[in-house]
Amino acid sequence: MTLTQSLLRPVPRFDPYRTPLPGVYLCSASTPPGPGVHGMSGYWAARSALRNEFGIRTAPALTPAS
């Protein structure tokens, strides 16, 4: 995988996680940051969905409230 592929996969667009279908987002090894067992593509796809579908600009806290 080249640097160009890591930035422009699966298609060259500003938000590579959105698809042409409303409400459908892509999180796989073909999306940035690329292949590996780390889950970051799912994290960024979820952030994209929160921003585009619900207008949430900051991620909610993932730690329990004290």
C-alpha atoms as a PDB file:
ATOM      1  CA  MET A   1       0.000   0.000   0.000  1.00  0.00           C
ATOM      2  CA  THR A   2       1.443   3.349  -1.013  1.00  0.00           C
ATOM      3  CA  LEU A   3       0.987   6.743   0.629  1.00  0.00           C
ATOM      4  CA  THR A   4      -1.313   7.817  -2.201  1.00  0.00           C
ATOM      5  CA  GLN A   5      -3.477   4.714  -1.716  1.00  0.00           C
ATOM      6  CA  SER A   6      -3.716   5.318   2.016  1.00  0.00           C
ATOM      7  CA  LEU A   7      -5.092   8.820   1.418  1.00  0.00           C
ATOM      8  CA  LEU A   8      -7.317   8.248  -1.612  1.00  0.00           C
ATOM      9  CA  ARG A   9      -8.949   4.886  -0.882  1.00  0.00           C
ATOM     10  CA  PRO A  10     -11.598   3.717  -1.641  1.00  0.00           C
ATOM     11  CA  VAL A  11     -12.439   6.849  -3.668  1.00  0.00           C
ATOM     12  CA  PRO A  12     -10.838  10.301  -3.667  1.00  0.00           C
ATOM     13  CA  ARG A  13     -13.313  12.406  -1.684  1.00  0.00           C
ATOM     14  CA  PHE A  14     -13.274  14.631   1.377  1.00  0.00           C
ATOM     15  CA  ASP A  15     -15.143  12.097   3.541  1.00  0.00           C
ATOM     16  CA  PRO A  16     -14.176   8.573   2.377  1.00  0.00           C
ATOM     17  CA  TYR A  17     -16.532   6.951   4.915  1.00  0.00           C
ATOM     18  CA  ARG A  18     -19.775   8.295   3.378  1.00  0.00           C
ATOM     19  CA  THR A  19     -21.408   6.437   0.519  1.00  0.00           C
ATOM     20  CA  PRO A  20     -23.901   7.746  -2.051  1.00  0.00           C
ATOM     21  CA  LEU A  21     -26.656   5.949  -0.093  1.00  0.00           C
ATOM     22  CA  PRO A  22     -28.170   8.117   2.665  1.00  0.00           C
ATOM     23  CA  GLY A  23     -27.237   6.898   6.126  1.00  0.00           C
ATOM     24  CA  VAL A  24     -24.792   4.236   4.905  1.00  0.00           C
ATOM     25  CA  TYR A  25     -21.154   4.514   5.953  1.00  0.00           C
ATOM     26  CA  LEU A  26     -18.155   2.373   5.095  1.00  0.00           C
ATOM     27  CA  CYS A  27     -15.631   1.173   7.653  1.00  0.00           C
ATOM     28  CA  SER A  28     -13.235  -1.425   6.316  1.00  0.00           C
ATOM     29  CA  ALA A  29      -9.580  -1.950   5.527  1.00  0.00           C
ATOM     30  CA  SER A  30     -10.124  -0.005   2.295  1.00  0.00           C
ATOM     31  CA  THR A  31     -10.799   3.230   4.194  1.00  0.00           C
ATOM     32  CA  PRO A  32      -8.152   5.346   5.928  1.00  0.00           C
ATOM     33  CA  PRO A  33      -6.002   4.686   7.917  1.00  0.00           C
ATOM     34  CA  GLY A  34      -5.810   1.397   5.985  1.00  0.00           C
ATOM     35  CA  PRO A  35      -5.439  -2.293   6.755  1.00  0.00           C
ATOM     36  CA  GLY A  36      -4.624  -3.519  10.226  1.00  0.00           C
ATOM     37  CA  VAL A  37      -6.264  -4.733  13.385  1.00  0.00           C
ATOM     38  CA  HIS A  38      -6.816  -1.452  15.159  1.00  0.00           C
ATOM     39  CA  GLY A  39     -10.434  -0.389  14.601  1.00  0.00           C
ATOM     40  CA  MET A  40      -9.600   3.195  13.671  1.00  0.00           C
ATOM     41  CA  SER A  41     -11.551   3.059  10.399  1.00  0.00           C
ATOM     42  CA  GLY A  42     -14.679   2.193  12.406  1.00  0.00           C
ATOM     43  CA  TYR A  43     -13.960   4.997  14.851  1.00  0.00           C
ATOM     44  CA  TRP A  44     -13.626   7.577  12.070  1.00  0.00           C
ATOM     45  CA  ALA A  45     -16.672   6.221  10.215  1.00  0.00           C
ATOM     46  CA  ALA A  46     -18.700   6.542  13.430  1.00  0.00           C
ATOM     47  CA  ARG A  47     -17.475  10.121  13.894  1.00  0.00           C
ATOM     48  CA  SER A  48     -18.492  10.879  10.314  1.00  0.00           C
ATOM     49  CA  ALA A  49     -21.956   9.390  10.891  1.00  0.00           C
ATOM     50  CA  LEU A  50     -22.442  11.357  14.120  1.00  0.00           C
ATOM     51  CA  ARG A  51     -21.429  14.578  12.378  1.00  0.00           C
ATOM     52  CA  ASN A  52     -23.474  14.094   9.191  1.00  0.00           C
ATOM     53  CA  GLU A  53     -26.595  12.345  10.501  1.00  0.00           C
ATOM     54  CA  PHE A  54     -27.025  13.962  13.915  1.00  0.00           C
ATOM     55  CA  GLY A  55     -24.982  17.184  13.768  1.00  0.00           C
ATOM     56  CA  ILE A  56     -22.729  16.097  16.653  1.00  0.00           C
ATOM     57  CA  ARG A  57     -19.348  17.780  16.147  1.00  0.00           C
ATOM     58  CA  THR A  58     -17.517  16.477  19.232  1.00  0.00           C
ATOM     59  CA  ALA A  59     -17.314  12.816  20.154  1.00  0.00           C
ATOM     60  CA  PRO A  60     -19.133  11.787  23.330  1.00  0.00           C
ATOM     61  CA  ALA A  61     -17.030  10.731  26.311  1.00  0.00           C
ATOM     62  CA  LEU A  62     -16.338   7.011  26.323  1.00  0.00           C
ATOM     63  CA  THR A  63     -15.468   6.821  30.008  1.00  0.00           C
ATOM     64  CA  PRO A  64     -18.016   6.299  32.775  1.00  0.00           C
ATOM     65  CA  ALA A  65     -19.173   9.436  34.520  1.00  0.00           C
ATOM     66  CA  SER A  66     -17.907   9.767  38.095  1.00  0.00           C
END
